[in-house]
Protein backbone atom coordinates (compact mmCIF):
# COMPACT_ATOMS: atom_id res chain seq x y z
CA MET A 1 -1.74 -2.24 20.44
CA HIS A 2 -5.05 -2.51 18.41
CA HIS A 3 -6.65 0.68 19.18
CA LYS A 4 -9.28 2.00 16.82
CA PHE A 5 -10.36 5.44 17.27
CA VAL A 6 -10.39 8.86 15.82
CA ILE A 7 -10.12 12.26 17.68
CA ALA A 8 -11.32 15.29 15.71
CA ASP A 9 -10.72 18.89 16.81
CA GLY A 10 -10.23 17.54 20.24
CA SER A 11 -14.06 17.67 20.81
CA TRP A 12 -15.43 14.33 19.39
CA VAL A 13 -14.32 10.69 19.18
CA LEU A 14 -15.27 7.90 16.85
CA THR A 15 -14.39 4.40 18.38
CA GLY A 16 -15.51 0.69 17.89
CA SER A 17 -14.71 -2.38 16.06
CA MET A 18 -14.86 -0.73 12.69
CA ASN A 19 -11.70 -0.98 10.43
CA PHE A 20 -11.05 2.42 8.82
CA THR A 21 -11.09 1.03 5.22
CA PRO A 22 -13.87 1.38 2.47
CA THR A 23 -15.07 -2.04 3.25
CA GLY A 24 -15.05 -1.49 6.94
CA MET A 25 -16.79 1.74 6.64
CA ASP A 26 -19.33 0.96 3.85
CA LYS A 27 -19.81 -2.80 3.63
CA SER A 28 -19.20 -4.54 6.82
CA HIS A 29 -21.69 -4.63 9.74
CA GLU A 30 -19.32 -2.98 12.34
CA GLY A 31 -19.96 -1.47 15.87
CA TYR A 32 -18.99 1.89 16.57
CA ILE A 33 -20.00 5.13 18.58
CA ILE A 34 -19.52 8.77 17.74
CA THR A 35 -19.85 11.18 20.76
CA ASP A 36 -18.80 14.59 21.89
CA HIS A 37 -19.31 13.98 25.48
CA PRO A 38 -16.23 15.40 27.42
CA ASP A 39 -16.03 12.48 29.84
CA ILE A 40 -15.55 10.19 26.95
CA VAL A 41 -13.56 12.33 24.57
CA GLY A 42 -11.01 13.42 27.36
CA PRO A 43 -9.68 9.92 28.14
CA TYR A 44 -9.35 9.00 24.43
CA ALA A 45 -7.43 12.24 23.74
CA GLY A 46 -5.20 11.46 26.79
CA GLU A 47 -4.42 8.02 25.41
CA PHE A 48 -3.67 9.33 21.95
CA ASN A 49 -1.35 12.00 23.40
CA ARG A 50 0.39 9.20 25.69
CA LEU A 51 0.89 6.93 22.60
CA TRP A 52 2.07 10.01 20.38
CA ASP A 53 4.48 11.11 23.13
CA SER A 54 5.89 7.63 23.57
CA GLY A 55 6.51 6.92 19.85
CA ARG A 56 9.78 7.26 17.98
CA ILE A 57 10.92 7.93 14.48
CA VAL A 58 11.46 4.59 12.63
CA ASP A 59 13.86 4.74 9.55
CA LYS A 60 13.37 2.81 6.28
CA LYS A 61 16.18 0.34 7.03
CA GLU A 62 14.30 -0.74 10.30
CA LEU A 63 10.99 -1.20 8.55
CA THR A 64 12.63 -3.38 5.73
CA ALA A 65 14.42 -5.32 8.35
CA ARG A 66 11.27 -6.68 9.82
CA PRO A 67 9.82 -10.28 8.97
CA PRO A 68 6.84 -10.40 6.70
CA GLY A 69 3.71 -9.56 8.37
CA GLY A 70 5.45 -6.71 10.33
CA ARG A 71 5.84 -8.59 13.52
CA GLY A 72 9.16 -8.61 15.21
CA ARG A 73 10.43 -9.48 18.69
């Protein structure tokens, strides 16, 4: 998964190629959009909720057992 979006107050979305870091937000030339159009915000909110609902709690032992770079099988 490589989603990059923010939903605020369930009424607007920011999405695009921008990394949410100081460099990505202030220094890089990134593409992004900000909109409050319901036909766009709705699907993003739905995707966030789907991801949130499918998540699980990961304990510290599981995190430290992963190889460098955080990628496991």
